[in-house]
Amino acid sequence: MRSALEWAQVRALAADGISQREIASRLGINRRTVARLLARDEPPRYRRPPTGSQLDPLEPVLRRLLEEWPQIKAPRLTEILRSDYGYTGSLRLVQSRLQRLRPSPVRPAQRTGYRPGQVLQLDWAEMPTRPTLAGRERRVYALVASLPYSGAQTAFFSLDMTIESFLEGHVRAFEWLGGVPRECVYDNLRSVVARREDEQVVWNRRFLHLRGHHGFHATACTPATPREKGSVEAAVRYLKSGFWPARRFTELHELDAQYADWRDRICNRRTHATGRFAVAERLAEERAALRSLSLLRFDWSGYRSTRVPVDGYLRHGGCFYRAPEQLVHGRVELRFDRDHVWITHRGVEVARYPRNYQAGVWLPPPIVRAEPPMVPPPLALPRIAVASPELADYAELCA
């Protein structure tokens, strides 16, 4: 077999107008070989004739077994072929043939259109890096809310993904929008879906309180199907790449301010990459189509009932917050959200503190015990000058 180099040389010389006899003489090959190389449209290459597989004659058996037992596995199929049909090949060969004969089902995707104010998609995202907050590196999470019709987004940052943080971020997204969409779409968050019983979704109880308070429909995506909430997935990628890199802040309030500036000045004023429309114009359409917010603000705070110890300090998140002295041994309710911790007694707030995330902090600080008073040194008596030795001895004894 001739090489690809010879094929290229022959065609190049022929393109120069050199005869086949001269080409054969220059390259030292036969004229008939030159003619064959000129007749080829591609370089010659070695091709091994297919030898087939041991499973080729057994393929009708494989198809019949798959038709009778659609869920049969490759190890059992290999066992049947070896015992009944004399197969001597490997298990991997059966697995590859089984994948071809029984391909995995693929769910087709369909692009969905939306109306203004119809759908809001929400999902948690962990930020790529861990900034130093409250004395150590911490994970920062964002509850991202995206509107598919306009492509607008907002986010709520937190140091955890508890139900209280989810509810607070959800309500703040509604307040930023100035209304409530008809439907909210979620991934299978524990804050939303308590569990699934076959095809039935059992909703989180506190989430149901939020749904009833604001009156919106809820949809939980099919597990392992991120394309059902593609708008918020794209918003998460944009948040991680367009906002987060090279940010400097020392507390969450600074992060909130930086994000609000970026969201209102850059993110929601861009031209949408898919629809080539102004996001701000469509956001205005969405806000006009939203349902009005409830006049009563939803209470997203966490709470627990506890008894005040003798020192008055209640523990939460590794920190200690003091209740009034008159409530010692009484039962109070400790409430908290992302930024504050407060204490209520019989429905009345009696103390409020900024929430601290640095373990071991006491608010207010305990009273420092006073040092004992300093004892002055004894006064030295003046020495008395006396003339007689007896008086001198007496004075020394007195001193």
Protein backbone atom coordinates (compact mmCIF):
# COMPACT_ATOMS: atom_id res chain seq x y z
CA MET A 1 0.00 0.00 0.00
CA ARG A 2 1.24 3.44 -0.97
CA SER A 3 1.54 6.20 1.61
CA ALA A 4 -0.36 9.45 1.85
CA LEU A 5 2.93 11.28 1.11
CA GLU A 6 3.29 9.54 -2.24
CA TRP A 7 -0.34 10.34 -3.09
CA ALA A 8 0.25 14.03 -2.34
CA GLN A 9 3.52 14.11 -4.33
CA VAL A 10 1.94 12.47 -7.36
CA ARG A 11 -0.99 14.90 -7.41
CA ALA A 12 1.32 17.89 -6.94
CA LEU A 13 3.58 16.85 -9.86
CA ALA A 14 0.54 16.15 -12.03
CA ALA A 15 -0.78 19.62 -11.22
CA ASP A 16 2.55 21.02 -12.51
CA GLY A 17 1.82 19.39 -15.91
CA ILE A 18 4.36 16.57 -15.63
CA SER A 19 3.46 13.35 -17.43
CA GLN A 20 2.71 10.13 -15.63
CA ARG A 21 5.81 8.50 -17.15
CA GLU A 22 8.03 11.30 -15.77
CA ILE A 23 6.31 11.17 -12.35
CA ALA A 24 6.93 7.41 -12.17
CA SER A 25 10.57 7.96 -13.10
CA ARG A 26 11.11 10.70 -10.53
CA LEU A 27 9.42 8.87 -7.67
CA GLY A 28 10.65 5.38 -8.62
CA ILE A 29 7.23 3.80 -8.83
CA ASN A 30 5.22 2.03 -11.53
CA ARG A 31 3.17 4.07 -14.05
CA ARG A 32 0.05 2.07 -13.17
CA THR A 33 0.55 3.01 -9.51
CA VAL A 34 0.76 6.66 -10.56
CA ALA A 35 -2.52 6.31 -12.44
CA ARG A 36 -4.23 4.69 -9.45
CA LEU A 37 -3.01 7.43 -7.12
CA LEU A 38 -4.24 10.16 -9.47
CA ALA A 39 -7.65 8.50 -9.65
CA ARG A 40 -8.13 8.62 -5.85
CA ASP A 41 -9.86 11.60 -4.25
CA GLU A 42 -8.42 10.87 -0.81
CA PRO A 43 -5.13 9.48 0.46
CA PRO A 44 -4.83 5.70 0.74
CA ARG A 45 -5.21 4.23 4.21
CA TYR A 46 -5.23 0.81 5.70
CA ARG A 47 -8.63 -0.53 6.62
CA ARG A 48 -9.02 -3.76 8.51
CA PRO A 49 -12.06 -5.71 7.46
CA PRO A 50 -14.59 -6.03 10.31
CA THR A 51 -14.32 -9.39 12.03
CA GLY A 52 -17.65 -9.17 13.83
CA SER A 53 -18.46 -10.03 17.42
CA GLN A 54 -19.34 -13.21 19.26
CA LEU A 55 -22.70 -11.63 19.99
CA ASP A 56 -23.64 -11.04 16.33
CA PRO A 57 -25.13 -14.53 15.83
CA LEU A 58 -26.75 -14.27 19.29
CA GLU A 59 -28.42 -10.91 18.69
CA PRO A 60 -31.86 -12.46 17.91
CA VAL A 61 -31.62 -14.23 21.29
CA LEU A 62 -30.77 -10.93 23.01
CA ARG A 63 -33.72 -9.16 21.40
CA ARG A 64 -36.09 -11.96 22.40
CA LEU A 65 -34.89 -11.93 26.01
CA LEU A 66 -35.20 -8.13 26.16
CA GLU A 67 -38.71 -8.33 24.78
CA GLU A 68 -39.71 -10.88 27.42
CA TRP A 69 -37.75 -9.28 30.31
CA PRO A 70 -37.26 -5.54 29.58
CA GLN A 71 -35.46 -4.89 32.88
CA ILE A 72 -33.00 -7.80 32.70
CA LYS A 73 -29.45 -6.88 33.71
CA ALA A 74 -26.22 -7.67 31.90
CA PRO A 75 -24.82 -10.16 34.49
CA ARG A 76 -27.95 -12.34 34.31
CA LEU A 77 -28.02 -12.04 30.52
CA THR A 78 -24.38 -13.14 30.32
CA GLU A 79 -25.13 -16.12 32.56
CA ILE A 80 -27.96 -17.26 30.26
CA LEU A 81 -25.82 -16.85 27.12
CA ARG A 82 -22.96 -18.85 28.64
CA SER A 83 -25.06 -21.71 29.99
CA ASP A 84 -27.55 -22.11 27.12
CA TYR A 85 -25.82 -20.77 24.01
CA GLY A 86 -22.10 -21.39 24.55
CA TYR A 87 -21.05 -17.72 24.82
CA THR A 88 -17.42 -17.36 25.94
CA GLY A 89 -16.98 -13.58 25.78
CA SER A 90 -16.81 -10.98 28.54
CA LEU A 91 -19.49 -9.29 30.59
CA ARG A 92 -18.47 -5.84 29.29
CA LEU A 93 -19.19 -6.93 25.71
CA VAL A 94 -22.73 -7.87 26.75
CA GLN A 95 -23.12 -4.55 28.61
CA SER A 96 -22.15 -2.49 25.56
CA ARG A 97 -24.46 -4.48 23.27
CA LEU A 98 -27.27 -4.11 25.83
CA GLN A 99 -26.82 -0.34 25.89
CA ARG A 100 -27.20 -0.25 22.11
CA LEU A 101 -30.23 -2.51 22.01
CA ARG A 102 -31.89 -0.87 25.01
CA PRO A 103 -30.91 2.82 24.99
CA SER A 104 -31.72 4.92 28.03
CA PRO A 105 -34.92 6.95 27.64
CA VAL A 106 -34.37 10.64 26.93
CA ARG A 107 -37.01 13.15 27.90
CA PRO A 108 -37.40 15.75 25.15
CA ALA A 109 -37.19 19.37 26.25
CA GLN A 110 -39.59 22.04 25.09
CA ARG A 111 -39.04 25.78 25.40
CA THR A 112 -41.75 27.41 27.48
CA GLY A 113 -43.12 30.90 27.07
CA TYR A 114 -44.30 33.06 29.97
CA ARG A 115 -46.64 35.97 30.52
CA PRO A 116 -45.75 39.05 32.60
CA GLY A 117 -45.94 38.34 36.31
CA GLN A 118 -46.84 34.70 35.79
CA VAL A 119 -43.86 32.81 37.27
CA LEU A 120 -41.04 33.42 39.74
CA GLN A 121 -38.28 30.78 40.02
CA LEU A 122 -36.23 30.44 43.24
CA ASP A 123 -33.19 28.38 44.22
CA TRP A 124 -30.30 28.40 46.70
CA ALA A 125 -26.71 28.91 45.50
CA GLU A 126 -23.43 28.64 47.40
CA MET A 127 -20.94 31.35 46.50
CA PRO A 128 -17.65 30.16 44.95
CA THR A 129 -15.33 31.50 47.68
CA ARG A 130 -15.48 31.81 51.46
CA PRO A 131 -14.92 35.36 52.76
CA THR A 132 -13.77 36.13 56.31
CA LEU A 133 -16.76 37.17 58.42
CA ALA A 134 -17.00 37.38 62.22
CA GLY A 135 -13.45 36.20 62.70
CA ARG A 136 -13.26 33.20 60.35
CA GLU A 137 -13.89 32.01 56.80
CA ARG A 138 -17.56 31.26 56.23
CA ARG A 139 -19.79 29.87 53.51
CA VAL A 140 -22.11 32.47 51.98
CA TYR A 141 -25.38 31.38 50.40
CA ALA A 142 -27.77 33.31 48.16
CA LEU A 143 -31.46 32.68 47.64
CA VAL A 144 -31.80 33.75 44.00
CA ALA A 145 -35.19 34.74 42.56
CA SER A 146 -35.57 35.12 38.78
CA LEU A 147 -38.45 36.21 36.54
CA PRO A 148 -38.41 34.16 33.28
CA TYR A 149 -40.44 36.68 31.27
CA SER A 150 -38.10 39.63 31.84
CA GLY A 151 -34.88 37.92 32.96
CA ALA A 152 -34.71 40.21 36.02
CA GLN A 153 -33.34 38.83 39.27
CA THR A 154 -32.74 39.58 42.92
CA ALA A 155 -30.94 37.71 45.70
CA PHE A 156 -30.88 37.44 49.48
CA PHE A 157 -27.56 36.53 51.15
CA SER A 158 -27.28 34.40 54.27
CA LEU A 159 -24.78 32.32 56.23
CA ASP A 160 -27.10 29.31 56.33
CA MET A 161 -29.92 27.68 54.39
CA THR A 162 -32.45 27.28 57.20
CA ILE A 163 -36.21 27.61 56.77
CA GLU A 164 -36.05 31.04 58.46
CA SER A 165 -33.48 32.31 55.93
CA PHE A 166 -35.54 30.89 53.07
CA LEU A 167 -38.75 32.55 54.24
CA GLU A 168 -37.00 35.88 54.84
CA GLY A 169 -35.38 35.83 51.41
CA HIS A 170 -38.70 34.83 49.80
CA VAL A 171 -40.60 37.70 51.42
CA ARG A 172 -37.86 40.21 50.60
CA ALA A 173 -38.03 39.12 46.94
CA PHE A 174 -41.78 39.84 46.95
CA GLU A 175 -41.18 43.21 48.59
CA TRP A 176 -38.52 44.14 46.04
CA LEU A 177 -40.92 43.24 43.23
CA GLY A 178 -43.73 45.16 44.88
CA GLY A 179 -46.20 42.31 44.40
CA VAL A 180 -46.79 38.57 44.20
CA PRO A 181 -46.60 36.44 41.00
CA ARG A 182 -49.25 33.88 40.27
CA GLU A 183 -46.88 30.89 40.62
CA CYS A 184 -43.49 30.13 42.18
CA VAL A 185 -41.27 27.30 40.93
CA TYR A 186 -38.69 25.59 43.17
CA ASP A 187 -36.15 22.87 43.10
CA ASN A 188 -36.73 20.13 45.68
CA LEU A 189 -35.61 22.33 48.60
CA ARG A 190 -36.11 20.96 52.10
CA SER A 191 -37.61 24.32 52.99
CA VAL A 192 -40.35 23.69 50.41
CA VAL A 193 -40.72 19.92 49.94
CA ALA A 194 -40.78 17.97 53.18
CA ARG A 195 -40.83 14.64 51.30
CA ARG A 196 -42.26 12.88 48.27
CA GLU A 197 -44.62 9.95 48.48
CA ASP A 198 -44.49 8.42 44.99
CA GLU A 199 -45.74 11.27 42.78
CA GLN A 200 -47.34 13.17 45.65
CA VAL A 201 -45.48 16.19 47.11
CA VAL A 202 -45.75 16.74 50.87
CA TRP A 203 -45.09 20.45 51.43
CA ASN A 204 -43.18 21.96 54.35
CA ARG A 205 -45.67 23.24 56.92
CA ARG A 206 -44.13 26.69 57.38
CA PHE A 207 -43.91 27.09 53.61
CA LEU A 208 -47.64 26.41 53.41
CA HIS A 209 -48.15 29.32 55.84
CA LEU A 210 -46.26 31.56 53.41
CA ARG A 211 -48.33 30.30 50.45
CA GLY A 212 -51.58 30.90 52.26
CA HIS A 213 -50.51 34.33 53.47
CA HIS A 214 -49.64 35.63 50.00
CA GLY A 215 -51.97 33.42 47.96
CA PHE A 216 -49.75 31.99 45.19
CA HIS A 217 -49.43 28.60 43.50
CA ALA A 218 -46.31 26.46 43.97
CA THR A 219 -44.61 23.89 41.71
CA ALA A 220 -41.76 21.56 42.70
CA CYS A 221 -39.51 20.52 39.82
CA THR A 222 -38.98 16.91 38.87
CA PRO A 223 -35.91 15.57 40.71
CA ALA A 224 -32.63 15.78 38.72
CA THR A 225 -34.23 17.98 36.03
CA PRO A 226 -32.59 21.42 36.24
CA ARG A 227 -33.92 22.51 32.84
CA GLU A 228 -37.39 22.93 34.37
CA LYS A 229 -36.06 26.06 36.11
CA GLY A 230 -33.59 27.26 33.52
CA SER A 231 -34.17 30.95 34.26
CA VAL A 232 -32.94 30.79 37.86
CA GLU A 233 -30.08 28.45 36.86
CA ALA A 234 -28.88 31.14 34.42
CA ALA A 235 -29.36 33.81 37.12
CA VAL A 236 -27.16 31.81 39.53
CA ARG A 237 -24.40 31.55 36.91
CA TYR A 238 -24.63 35.28 36.22
CA LEU A 239 -24.48 36.07 39.95
CA LYS A 240 -21.36 33.93 40.44
CA SER A 241 -19.52 35.27 37.41
CA GLY A 242 -20.81 38.83 37.03
CA PHE A 243 -21.14 40.00 40.63
CA TRP A 244 -19.20 37.88 43.10
CA PRO A 245 -15.55 37.95 41.88
CA ALA A 246 -13.18 40.39 43.68
CA ARG A 247 -15.80 41.60 46.21
CA ARG A 248 -14.56 42.94 49.55
CA PHE A 249 -16.84 43.26 52.58
CA THR A 250 -16.71 42.66 56.33
CA GLU A 251 -20.40 42.03 57.09
CA LEU A 252 -23.56 41.03 55.27
CA HIS A 253 -24.97 44.58 55.29
CA GLU A 254 -22.05 45.71 53.11
CA LEU A 255 -22.66 42.76 50.77
CA ASP A 256 -26.37 43.66 50.55
CA ALA A 257 -25.53 47.26 49.59
CA GLN A 258 -23.00 46.21 46.93
CA TYR A 259 -25.43 43.71 45.43
CA ALA A 260 -28.34 46.17 45.37
CA ASP A 261 -26.16 48.66 43.49
CA TRP A 262 -25.03 46.03 40.96
CA ARG A 263 -28.54 44.63 40.52
CA ASP A 264 -30.22 47.99 39.89
CA ARG A 265 -27.41 49.59 37.89
CA ILE A 266 -26.06 46.69 35.80
CA CYS A 267 -27.93 43.41 36.07
CA ASN A 268 -31.52 44.54 35.53
CA ARG A 269 -30.56 47.25 33.02
CA ARG A 270 -28.83 44.94 30.58
CA THR A 271 -30.05 43.72 27.21
CA HIS A 272 -31.17 40.12 27.52
CA ALA A 273 -28.81 37.73 25.74
CA THR A 274 -31.56 35.42 24.45
CA GLY A 275 -34.44 37.67 23.53
CA ARG A 276 -32.44 40.80 22.72
CA PHE A 277 -34.83 42.96 24.72
CA ALA A 278 -34.35 45.49 27.53
CA VAL A 279 -34.73 43.73 30.88
CA ALA A 280 -35.83 46.93 32.66
CA GLU A 281 -38.74 47.48 30.25
CA ARG A 282 -40.09 43.96 30.73
CA LEU A 283 -39.57 44.20 34.49
CA ALA A 284 -41.88 47.22 34.50
CA GLU A 285 -44.48 45.13 32.64
CA GLU A 286 -44.14 42.35 35.19
CA ARG A 287 -44.54 44.67 38.17
CA ALA A 288 -47.73 46.09 36.66
CA ALA A 289 -49.14 42.55 36.32
CA LEU A 290 -48.30 41.29 39.84
CA ARG A 291 -50.89 40.72 42.54
CA SER A 292 -50.78 43.19 45.41
CA LEU A 293 -48.90 42.36 48.60
CA SER A 294 -50.75 41.59 51.81
CA LEU A 295 -51.05 44.56 54.16
CA LEU A 296 -49.83 42.38 57.04
CA ARG A 297 -46.17 41.45 56.73
CA PHE A 298 -45.42 37.75 56.96
CA ASP A 299 -43.45 36.79 60.08
CA TRP A 300 -40.46 34.79 58.87
CA SER A 301 -38.52 34.76 62.16
CA GLY A 302 -37.53 31.64 64.00
CA TYR A 303 -38.56 31.17 67.60
CA ARG A 304 -38.40 28.86 70.57
CA SER A 305 -39.91 28.95 74.03
CA THR A 306 -37.44 28.80 76.89
CA ARG A 307 -37.03 29.55 80.58
CA VAL A 308 -34.72 32.38 81.67
CA PRO A 309 -31.82 31.08 83.81
CA VAL A 310 -30.68 32.79 86.98
CA ASP A 311 -28.00 34.86 85.19
CA GLY A 312 -30.57 36.03 82.59
CA TYR A 313 -28.56 35.01 79.48
CA LEU A 314 -30.21 32.95 76.71
CA ARG A 315 -27.98 31.06 74.29
CA HIS A 316 -28.46 31.13 70.51
CA GLY A 317 -25.94 30.19 67.83
CA GLY A 318 -23.04 30.07 70.30
CA CYS A 319 -23.76 33.60 71.62
CA PHE A 320 -25.59 34.78 74.74
CA TYR A 321 -28.35 37.41 74.91
CA ARG A 322 -29.64 38.81 78.20
CA ALA A 323 -33.28 38.98 79.22
CA PRO A 324 -34.55 41.57 81.76
CA GLU A 325 -33.83 40.70 85.40
CA GLN A 326 -37.50 40.60 86.40
CA LEU A 327 -38.08 37.67 84.01
CA VAL A 328 -35.54 35.33 85.68
CA HIS A 329 -37.11 31.84 86.03
CA GLY A 330 -39.98 32.99 83.82
CA ARG A 331 -40.84 31.59 80.39
CA VAL A 332 -40.10 33.79 77.37
CA GLU A 333 -39.90 33.39 73.60
CA LEU A 334 -36.54 33.82 71.90
CA ARG A 335 -36.97 35.03 68.31
CA PHE A 336 -34.33 35.53 65.61
CA ASP A 337 -33.73 36.27 61.93
CA ARG A 338 -30.60 36.93 59.90
CA ASP A 339 -29.78 40.31 61.50
CA HIS A 340 -31.47 40.44 64.92
CA VAL A 341 -32.25 38.44 68.04
CA TRP A 342 -35.08 39.60 70.30
CA ILE A 343 -36.96 38.36 73.36
CA THR A 344 -40.72 38.55 73.83
CA HIS A 345 -42.83 37.92 76.93
CA ARG A 346 -46.58 37.38 76.53
CA GLY A 347 -46.46 38.87 73.06
CA VAL A 348 -44.53 42.00 74.07
CA GLU A 349 -40.93 42.60 72.96
CA VAL A 350 -38.74 43.14 76.03
CA ALA A 351 -35.19 43.10 74.55
CA ARG A 352 -33.57 43.30 71.10
CA TYR A 353 -29.95 42.79 70.00
CA PRO A 354 -28.03 42.73 66.69
CA ARG A 355 -27.32 39.09 65.87
CA ASN A 356 -23.69 38.08 66.34
CA TYR A 357 -22.11 35.15 64.48
CA GLN A 358 -18.86 35.02 66.48
CA ALA A 359 -19.15 32.26 69.07
CA GLY A 360 -18.71 33.14 72.74
CA VAL A 361 -19.99 36.73 72.57
CA TRP A 362 -22.17 38.00 75.47
CA LEU A 363 -24.65 40.80 74.80
CA PRO A 364 -24.51 42.95 76.82
CA PRO A 365 -21.11 42.01 78.28
CA PRO A 366 -21.25 40.66 81.84
CA ILE A 367 -20.42 43.07 84.66
CA VAL A 368 -16.73 42.81 85.50
CA ARG A 369 -16.12 42.01 89.14
CA ALA A 370 -14.57 44.93 91.02
CA GLU A 371 -11.06 44.58 92.37
CA PRO A 372 -10.74 44.44 96.21
CA PRO A 373 -9.71 47.77 97.82
CA MET A 374 -6.03 48.38 98.29
CA VAL A 375 -4.87 48.10 101.96
CA PRO A 376 -2.50 50.97 102.81
CA PRO A 377 0.84 49.98 104.42
CA PRO A 378 1.21 50.63 108.18
CA LEU A 379 2.59 54.00 109.17
CA ALA A 380 6.14 54.00 110.52
CA LEU A 381 6.52 55.65 113.96
CA PRO A 382 9.15 58.39 114.22
CA ARG A 383 12.23 57.52 116.19
CA ILE A 384 12.52 59.30 119.55
CA ALA A 385 15.85 60.69 120.66
CA VAL A 386 16.45 59.80 124.35
CA ALA A 387 19.41 60.28 126.55
CA SER A 388 19.28 57.28 128.91
CA PRO A 389 20.00 53.72 127.71
CA GLU A 390 16.85 52.44 129.44
CA LEU A 391 14.65 54.83 127.51
CA ALA A 392 16.43 53.91 124.28
CA ASP A 393 15.71 50.21 124.84
CA TYR A 394 12.07 51.07 125.58
CA ALA A 395 11.81 53.13 122.38
CA GLU A 396 13.22 50.25 120.30
CA LEU A 397 10.66 47.92 121.82
CA CYS A 398 7.86 50.36 120.93
CA ALA A 399 9.13 50.72 117.39
